């Protein structure tokens, strides 16, 4: 699933008339780049959620025949549900017996999904997600076994510890996550909520792990000035 519904308020003025997912990086939209990224790992069945300028996303997908993938739309035009609510809303579109991947449309990375899957399966995790050692306004906190134990906001000083451990390591979230399909039976939140809330509420009783991919290409294309940096990193 690719989260593409957001308002993109940090990406104005483009998002005054377009969805951020269709912003171009070296002549390819963020959405196309992420669909092609998934294709590299044999993932061609993709759910895309929509809200902001939803028709533009639908028209672009149709015009390009999904760039060779099978795209299913999760419609959030009635209400924007954030990442957690958006995932729960797409439950009936993500019916599978295998783990599934989610990622944010405005993130570009070459995190190796095959290695994330191997890591996830070897550790019997409910959720595994990419993290790296980079500067970020917010961090997840992990123990020495890479298990999620908490979260902190580096700007406000707010901290939430859900598993006590003497030594916790801060890591930045890379917005590529792998879930066991049973997740839908366990998510306690309803309505509009962030996946961060879900991770923290489930972490004490379930194995939620951070997969360290420090050194791989990664950029949050969250602001217009990020495009030039993205074009340097992702020239292909």
C-alpha atoms as a PDB file:
ATOM      1  CA  UNK A   1       0.000   0.000   0.000  1.00  0.00           C
ATOM      2  CA  UNK A   2       1.251   3.472  -0.908  1.00  0.00           C
ATOM      3  CA  UNK A   3      -0.076   6.297   1.253  1.00  0.00           C
ATOM      4  CA  UNK A   4      -0.955   9.058  -1.217  1.00  0.00           C
ATOM      5  CA  UNK A   5      -3.915  10.818   0.382  1.00  0.00           C
ATOM      6  CA  UNK A   6      -2.213  13.617   2.331  1.00  0.00           C
ATOM      7  CA  UNK A   7      -2.813  17.343   1.858  1.00  0.00           C
ATOM      8  CA  UNK A   8       0.895  18.063   1.346  1.00  0.00           C
ATOM      9  CA  UNK A   9       0.733  21.370   3.215  1.00  0.00           C
ATOM     10  CA  UNK A  10       4.541  21.571   3.388  1.00  0.00           C
ATOM     11  CA  UNK A  11       4.727  21.217  -0.391  1.00  0.00           C
ATOM     12  CA  UNK A  12       2.867  24.364  -1.404  1.00  0.00           C
ATOM     13  CA  UNK A  13       2.414  25.929  -3.934  1.00  0.00           C
ATOM     14  CA  UNK A  14       2.362  22.648  -5.929  1.00  0.00           C
ATOM     15  CA  UNK A  15      -0.270  21.150  -3.634  1.00  0.00           C
ATOM     16  CA  UNK A  16      -2.607  24.124  -4.113  1.00  0.00           C
ATOM     17  CA  UNK A  17      -3.534  22.512  -7.441  1.00  0.00           C
ATOM     18  CA  UNK A  18      -2.102  18.970  -7.369  1.00  0.00           C
ATOM     19  CA  UNK A  19      -1.611  16.007  -5.033  1.00  0.00           C
ATOM     20  CA  UNK A  20       1.942  15.715  -3.721  1.00  0.00           C
ATOM     21  CA  UNK A  21       2.136  12.123  -4.975  1.00  0.00           C
ATOM     22  CA  UNK A  22       2.238  13.472  -8.544  1.00  0.00           C
ATOM     23  CA  UNK A  23       5.149  15.868  -7.942  1.00  0.00           C
ATOM     24  CA  UNK A  24       7.961  15.131 -10.384  1.00  0.00           C
ATOM     25  CA  UNK A  25      11.507  14.007  -9.633  1.00  0.00           C
ATOM     26  CA  UNK A  26      13.527  13.775 -12.848  1.00  0.00           C
ATOM     27  CA  UNK A  27      10.383  13.561 -14.988  1.00  0.00           C
ATOM     28  CA  UNK A  28       8.771  10.770 -12.933  1.00  0.00           C
ATOM     29  CA  UNK A  29       6.125  11.335 -10.281  1.00  0.00           C
ATOM     30  CA  UNK A  30       6.751  10.246  -6.706  1.00  0.00           C
ATOM     31  CA  UNK A  31       3.916   7.750  -7.115  1.00  0.00           C
ATOM     32  CA  UNK A  32       5.409   6.225 -10.258  1.00  0.00           C
ATOM     33  CA  UNK A  33       8.826   5.978  -8.623  1.00  0.00           C
ATOM     34  CA  UNK A  34       7.406   4.098  -5.647  1.00  0.00           C
ATOM     35  CA  UNK A  35       5.359   1.746  -7.821  1.00  0.00           C
ATOM     36  CA  UNK A  36       8.529   0.966  -9.817  1.00  0.00           C
ATOM     37  CA  UNK A  37      10.473   0.535  -6.554  1.00  0.00           C
ATOM     38  CA  UNK A  38       7.994  -2.140  -5.446  1.00  0.00           C
ATOM     39  CA  UNK A  39       8.193  -3.800  -8.864  1.00  0.00           C
ATOM     40  CA  UNK A  40      11.913  -4.422  -8.331  1.00  0.00           C
ATOM     41  CA  UNK A  41      10.911  -6.842  -5.572  1.00  0.00           C
ATOM     42  CA  UNK A  42       8.104  -8.519  -7.506  1.00  0.00           C
ATOM     43  CA  UNK A  43       5.345  -6.529  -5.812  1.00  0.00           C
ATOM     44  CA  UNK A  44       2.833  -5.588  -8.503  1.00  0.00           C
ATOM     45  CA  UNK A  45      -0.496  -5.602  -6.610  1.00  0.00           C
ATOM     46  CA  UNK A  46      -0.679  -2.160  -5.008  1.00  0.00           C
ATOM     47  CA  UNK A  47      -3.330  -0.276  -3.047  1.00  0.00           C
ATOM     48  CA  UNK A  48      -3.168   3.539  -3.340  1.00  0.00           C
ATOM     49  CA  UNK A  49      -5.252   5.688  -1.005  1.00  0.00           C
ATOM     50  CA  UNK A  50      -6.583   9.016  -2.251  1.00  0.00           C
ATOM     51  CA  UNK A  51      -8.116  12.231  -0.872  1.00  0.00           C
ATOM     52  CA  UNK A  52      -6.429  15.471  -1.996  1.00  0.00           C
ATOM     53  CA  UNK A  53      -7.065  16.035  -5.746  1.00  0.00           C
ATOM     54  CA  UNK A  54      -8.058  12.382  -5.878  1.00  0.00           C
ATOM     55  CA  UNK A  55      -9.281  12.497  -9.485  1.00  0.00           C
ATOM     56  CA  UNK A  56      -5.839  13.553 -10.691  1.00  0.00           C
ATOM     57  CA  UNK A  57      -4.301  10.442  -9.152  1.00  0.00           C
ATOM     58  CA  UNK A  58      -6.977   8.165 -10.610  1.00  0.00           C
ATOM     59  CA  UNK A  59      -6.625   9.739 -14.063  1.00  0.00           C
ATOM     60  CA  UNK A  60      -2.827   9.465 -14.003  1.00  0.00           C
ATOM     61  CA  UNK A  61      -2.914   5.817 -12.949  1.00  0.00           C
ATOM     62  CA  UNK A  62      -5.459   5.023 -15.684  1.00  0.00           C
ATOM     63  CA  UNK A  63      -3.547   6.946 -18.339  1.00  0.00           C
ATOM     64  CA  UNK A  64      -0.343   5.071 -17.525  1.00  0.00           C
ATOM     65  CA  UNK A  65      -2.046   1.699 -17.010  1.00  0.00           C
ATOM     66  CA  UNK A  66      -0.641   1.541 -13.491  1.00  0.00           C
ATOM     67  CA  UNK A  67       2.901   1.648 -14.904  1.00  0.00           C
ATOM     68  CA  UNK A  68       2.567  -2.097 -15.327  1.00  0.00           C
ATOM     69  CA  UNK A  69       1.173  -2.844 -11.846  1.00  0.00           C
ATOM     70  CA  UNK A  70      -2.329  -3.745 -10.712  1.00  0.00           C
ATOM     71  CA  UNK A  71      -3.502  -0.658  -8.794  1.00  0.00           C
ATOM     72  CA  UNK A  72      -6.532  -0.669  -6.501  1.00  0.00           C
ATOM     73  CA  UNK A  73      -7.865   2.602  -5.102  1.00  0.00           C
ATOM     74  CA  UNK A  74      -8.753   3.074  -1.432  1.00  0.00           C
ATOM     75  CA  UNK A  75     -11.053   6.100  -1.478  1.00  0.00           C
ATOM     76  CA  UNK A  76     -10.745   8.565   1.426  1.00  0.00           C
ATOM     77  CA  UNK A  77     -12.387  11.505  -0.302  1.00  0.00           C
ATOM     78  CA  UNK A  78     -15.037  11.665   2.434  1.00  0.00           C
ATOM     79  CA  UNK A  79     -12.456  11.965   5.217  1.00  0.00           C
ATOM     80  CA  UNK A  80      -8.667  11.995   5.409  1.00  0.00           C
ATOM     81  CA  UNK A  81      -7.728   9.226   7.841  1.00  0.00           C
ATOM     82  CA  UNK A  82      -3.908   9.575   8.260  1.00  0.00           C
ATOM     83  CA  UNK A  83      -1.645   6.542   7.903  1.00  0.00           C
ATOM     84  CA  UNK A  84      -3.162   4.294  10.568  1.00  0.00           C
ATOM     85  CA  UNK A  85      -6.749   5.073   9.704  1.00  0.00           C
ATOM     86  CA  UNK A  86      -5.909   4.796   6.019  1.00  0.00           C
ATOM     87  CA  UNK A  87      -4.449   1.331   6.538  1.00  0.00           C
ATOM     88  CA  UNK A  88      -7.474   0.166   8.505  1.00  0.00           C
ATOM     89  CA  UNK A  89      -9.816   1.620   5.881  1.00  0.00           C
ATOM     90  CA  UNK A  90      -8.059  -0.473   3.207  1.00  0.00           C
ATOM     91  CA  UNK A  91      -8.438  -3.702   5.175  1.00  0.00           C
ATOM     92  CA  UNK A  92     -10.707  -5.392   2.625  1.00  0.00           C
ATOM     93  CA  UNK A  93      -8.289  -4.506  -0.179  1.00  0.00           C
ATOM     94  CA  UNK A  94      -5.286  -6.039   1.590  1.00  0.00           C
ATOM     95  CA  UNK A  95      -6.629  -9.544   2.146  1.00  0.00           C
ATOM     96  CA  UNK A  96      -3.606 -11.818   1.990  1.00  0.00           C
ATOM     97  CA  UNK A  97      -2.008 -14.698   3.859  1.00  0.00           C
ATOM     98  CA  UNK A  98       1.417 -13.152   3.404  1.00  0.00           C
ATOM     99  CA  UNK A  99       3.074 -10.090   4.924  1.00  0.00           C
ATOM    100  CA  UNK A 100       2.350  -6.844   3.097  1.00  0.00           C
ATOM    101  CA  UNK A 101       4.341  -3.640   2.676  1.00  0.00           C
ATOM    102  CA  UNK A 102       3.297  -0.033   3.228  1.00  0.00           C
ATOM    103  CA  UNK A 103       5.203   3.086   2.232  1.00  0.00           C
ATOM    104  CA  UNK A 104       4.634   6.818   1.961  1.00  0.00           C
ATOM    105  CA  UNK A 105       4.372   8.344  -1.513  1.00  0.00           C
ATOM    106  CA  UNK A 106       6.637  11.262  -0.591  1.00  0.00           C
ATOM    107  CA  UNK A 107       9.529   9.044   0.534  1.00  0.00           C
ATOM    108  CA  UNK A 108      12.167   7.848  -1.918  1.00  0.00           C
ATOM    109  CA  UNK A 109      14.572   5.129  -0.824  1.00  0.00           C
ATOM    110  CA  UNK A 110      16.358   2.028  -2.054  1.00  0.00           C
ATOM    111  CA  UNK A 111      15.930   0.151   1.219  1.00  0.00           C
ATOM    112  CA  UNK A 112      16.175  -3.537   0.146  1.00  0.00           C
ATOM    113  CA  UNK A 113      12.672  -4.906   0.705  1.00  0.00           C
ATOM    114  CA  UNK A 114      13.873  -8.500   0.240  1.00  0.00           C
ATOM    115  CA  UNK A 115      16.260  -8.070   3.170  1.00  0.00           C
ATOM    116  CA  UNK A 116      13.513  -6.416   5.242  1.00  0.00           C
ATOM    117  CA  UNK A 117      11.304  -9.462   4.589  1.00  0.00           C
ATOM    118  CA  UNK A 118      14.097 -11.888   5.557  1.00  0.00           C
ATOM    119  CA  UNK A 119      14.772  -9.912   8.750  1.00  0.00           C
ATOM    120  CA  UNK A 120      11.058  -9.846   9.585  1.00  0.00           C
ATOM    121  CA  UNK A 121      10.547 -13.561   9.063  1.00  0.00           C
ATOM    122  CA  UNK A 122      13.742 -14.626  10.846  1.00  0.00           C
ATOM    123  CA  UNK A 123      12.637 -12.736  13.960  1.00  0.00           C
ATOM    124  CA  UNK A 124       8.979 -13.736  13.948  1.00  0.00           C
ATOM    125  CA  UNK A 125       7.845 -10.112  14.038  1.00  0.00           C
ATOM    126  CA  UNK A 126       4.334  -8.731  13.810  1.00  0.00           C
ATOM    127  CA  UNK A 127       5.667  -5.513  12.249  1.00  0.00           C
ATOM    128  CA  UNK A 128       9.128  -4.598  10.971  1.00  0.00           C
ATOM    129  CA  UNK A 129       9.973  -1.202   9.535  1.00  0.00           C
ATOM    130  CA  UNK A 130      12.983   0.544   8.100  1.00  0.00           C
ATOM    131  CA  UNK A 131      14.982   2.907  10.313  1.00  0.00           C
ATOM    132  CA  UNK A 132      18.294   4.650   9.889  1.00  0.00           C
ATOM    133  CA  UNK A 133      20.777   6.681  11.867  1.00  0.00           C
ATOM    134  CA  UNK A 134      20.047  10.168  10.572  1.00  0.00           C
ATOM    135  CA  UNK A 135      18.900  13.512  11.951  1.00  0.00           C
ATOM    136  CA  UNK A 136      15.141  13.709  12.459  1.00  0.00           C
ATOM    137  CA  UNK A 137      12.694  15.782  14.493  1.00  0.00           C
ATOM    138  CA  UNK A 138      11.186  12.577  15.897  1.00  0.00           C
ATOM    139  CA  UNK A 139      12.716   9.197  16.639  1.00  0.00           C
ATOM    140  CA  UNK A 140      11.620   5.735  17.595  1.00  0.00           C
ATOM    141  CA  UNK A 141      13.558   4.199  20.479  1.00  0.00           C
ATOM    142  CA  UNK A 142      14.897   0.629  20.346  1.00  0.00           C
ATOM    143  CA  UNK A 143      16.674  -1.739  22.695  1.00  0.00           C
ATOM    144  CA  UNK A 144      19.724  -3.805  21.761  1.00  0.00           C
ATOM    145  CA  UNK A 145      17.499  -6.442  20.142  1.00  0.00           C
ATOM    146  CA  UNK A 146      16.067  -3.846  17.718  1.00  0.00           C
ATOM    147  CA  UNK A 147      12.709  -4.048  19.501  1.00  0.00           C
ATOM    148  CA  UNK A 148      10.553  -0.936  19.562  1.00  0.00           C
ATOM    149  CA  UNK A 149      10.377   0.475  23.095  1.00  0.00           C
ATOM    150  CA  UNK A 150       9.298   4.088  22.674  1.00  0.00           C
ATOM    151  CA  UNK A 151       9.179   7.350  20.779  1.00  0.00           C
ATOM    152  CA  UNK A 152      10.480  10.880  21.297  1.00  0.00           C
ATOM    153  CA  UNK A 153       9.959  14.330  19.801  1.00  0.00           C
ATOM    154  CA  UNK A 154      13.334  16.056  19.641  1.00  0.00           C
ATOM    155  CA  UNK A 155      11.764  19.495  19.230  1.00  0.00           C
ATOM    156  CA  UNK A 156       9.344  19.430  22.161  1.00  0.00           C
ATOM    157  CA  UNK A 157      11.074  16.923  24.442  1.00  0.00           C
ATOM    158  CA  UNK A 158       7.942  14.745  24.563  1.00  0.00           C
ATOM    159  CA  UNK A 159       8.771  11.080  25.145  1.00  0.00           C
ATOM    160  CA  UNK A 160       6.676   7.908  25.332  1.00  0.00           C
ATOM    161  CA  UNK A 161       8.278   4.744  26.724  1.00  0.00           C
ATOM    162  CA  UNK A 162       6.172   1.599  26.381  1.00  0.00           C
ATOM    163  CA  UNK A 163       8.876  -0.968  27.237  1.00  0.00           C
ATOM    164  CA  UNK A 164      11.365  -0.082  29.963  1.00  0.00           C
ATOM    165  CA  UNK A 165      15.009  -0.731  29.100  1.00  0.00           C
ATOM    166  CA  UNK A 166      18.186   0.731  30.521  1.00  0.00           C
ATOM    167  CA  UNK A 167      19.717   1.504  27.151  1.00  0.00           C
ATOM    168  CA  UNK A 168      17.558   2.799  24.297  1.00  0.00           C
ATOM    169  CA  UNK A 169      18.812   3.842  20.867  1.00  0.00           C
ATOM    170  CA  UNK A 170      17.093   6.588  18.818  1.00  0.00           C
ATOM    171  CA  UNK A 171      16.555   5.860  15.125  1.00  0.00           C
ATOM    172  CA  UNK A 172      14.700   7.746  12.390  1.00  0.00           C
ATOM    173  CA  UNK A 173      11.655   6.137  10.756  1.00  0.00           C
ATOM    174  CA  UNK A 174      11.940   5.455   7.030  1.00  0.00           C
ATOM    175  CA  UNK A 175       8.210   4.944   6.327  1.00  0.00           C
ATOM    176  CA  UNK A 176       8.634   1.499   4.730  1.00  0.00           C
ATOM    177  CA  UNK A 177       6.904  -1.100   6.907  1.00  0.00           C
ATOM    178  CA  UNK A 178       6.078  -4.801   6.722  1.00  0.00           C
ATOM    179  CA  UNK A 179       2.990  -6.188   8.473  1.00  0.00           C
ATOM    180  CA  UNK A 180       1.627  -9.618   9.236  1.00  0.00           C
ATOM    181  CA  UNK A 181      -1.977  -9.735   7.965  1.00  0.00           C
ATOM    182  CA  UNK A 182      -3.256 -10.449  11.499  1.00  0.00           C
ATOM    183  CA  UNK A 183      -2.513  -6.781  12.233  1.00  0.00           C
ATOM    184  CA  UNK A 184      -6.105  -5.867  11.343  1.00  0.00           C
ATOM    185  CA  UNK A 185      -7.400  -7.956  14.242  1.00  0.00           C
ATOM    186  CA  UNK A 186      -5.040  -6.226  16.667  1.00  0.00           C
ATOM    187  CA  UNK A 187      -5.197  -2.505  15.820  1.00  0.00           C
ATOM    188  CA  UNK A 188      -7.001  -0.872  18.782  1.00  0.00           C
ATOM    189  CA  UNK A 189      -7.506   2.573  17.223  1.00  0.00           C
ATOM    190  CA  UNK A 190     -10.429   3.632  15.082  1.00  0.00           C
ATOM    191  CA  UNK A 191     -11.159   6.616  12.837  1.00  0.00           C
ATOM    192  CA  UNK A 192      -8.323   9.031  12.107  1.00  0.00           C
ATOM    193  CA  UNK A 193      -4.941   8.088  13.602  1.00  0.00           C
ATOM    194  CA  UNK A 194      -1.245   7.667  12.868  1.00  0.00           C
ATOM    195  CA  UNK A 195       0.590   4.370  12.521  1.00  0.00           C
ATOM    196  CA  UNK A 196       2.889   5.683  15.260  1.00  0.00           C
ATOM    197  CA  UNK A 197      -0.021   5.317  17.702  1.00  0.00           C
ATOM    198  CA  UNK A 198      -0.579   1.740  16.559  1.00  0.00           C
ATOM    199  CA  UNK A 199       3.097   0.801  16.831  1.00  0.00           C
ATOM    200  CA  UNK A 200       3.365   2.115  20.384  1.00  0.00           C
ATOM    201  CA  UNK A 201       0.121   0.553  21.587  1.00  0.00           C
ATOM    202  CA  UNK A 202       1.015  -2.898  20.217  1.00  0.00           C
ATOM    203  CA  UNK A 203       4.735  -2.917  21.070  1.00  0.00           C
ATOM    204  CA  UNK A 204       4.484  -4.160  24.699  1.00  0.00           C
ATOM    205  CA  UNK A 205       2.704  -7.396  23.727  1.00  0.00           C
ATOM    206  CA  UNK A 206       4.006  -7.958  20.200  1.00  0.00           C
ATOM    207  CA  UNK A 207       7.367  -8.061  18.434  1.00  0.00           C
ATOM    208  CA  UNK A 208       7.782  -4.805  16.536  1.00  0.00           C
ATOM    209  CA  UNK A 209      11.269  -4.344  15.125  1.00  0.00           C
ATOM    210  CA  UNK A 210      13.380  -1.695  13.469  1.00  0.00           C
ATOM    211  CA  UNK A 211      15.412  -2.799  10.454  1.00  0.00           C
ATOM    212  CA  UNK A 212      18.542  -0.652  10.266  1.00  0.00           C
ATOM    213  CA  UNK A 213      19.277   0.275   6.654  1.00  0.00           C
ATOM    214  CA  UNK A 214      21.674   3.145   7.362  1.00  0.00           C
ATOM    215  CA  UNK A 215      23.704   3.895   4.232  1.00  0.00           C
ATOM    216  CA  UNK A 216      20.931   3.252   1.728  1.00  0.00           C
ATOM    217  CA  UNK A 217      19.573   6.140  -0.306  1.00  0.00           C
ATOM    218  CA  UNK A 218      16.728   7.941   1.457  1.00  0.00           C
ATOM    219  CA  UNK A 219      15.006  11.285   1.185  1.00  0.00           C
ATOM    220  CA  UNK A 220      11.769  12.760   2.481  1.00  0.00           C
ATOM    221  CA  UNK A 221      10.451  14.841  -0.424  1.00  0.00           C
ATOM    222  CA  UNK A 222       8.318  16.831   1.978  1.00  0.00           C
ATOM    223  CA  UNK A 223       9.120  20.354   0.811  1.00  0.00           C
ATOM    224  CA  UNK A 224       9.670  21.904  -2.646  1.00  0.00           C
ATOM    225  CA  UNK A 225      13.351  22.464  -1.893  1.00  0.00           C
ATOM    226  CA  UNK A 226      13.725  18.696  -1.358  1.00  0.00           C
ATOM    227  CA  UNK A 227      13.098  18.035  -5.056  1.00  0.00           C
ATOM    228  CA  UNK A 228      16.565  19.179  -6.166  1.00  0.00           C
ATOM    229  CA  UNK A 229      18.185  16.933  -3.549  1.00  0.00           C
ATOM    230  CA  UNK A 230      15.971  14.040  -4.627  1.00  0.00           C
ATOM    231  CA  UNK A 231      16.958  14.567  -8.256  1.00  0.00           C
ATOM    232  CA  UNK A 232      20.622  14.289  -7.283  1.00  0.00           C
ATOM    233  CA  UNK A 233      19.996  11.071  -5.355  1.00  0.00           C
ATOM    234  CA  UNK A 234      17.567   9.433  -7.796  1.00  0.00           C
ATOM    235  CA  UNK A 235      18.747  10.099 -11.339  1.00  0.00           C
ATOM    236  CA  UNK A 236      17.450   6.802 -12.723  1.00  0.00           C
END
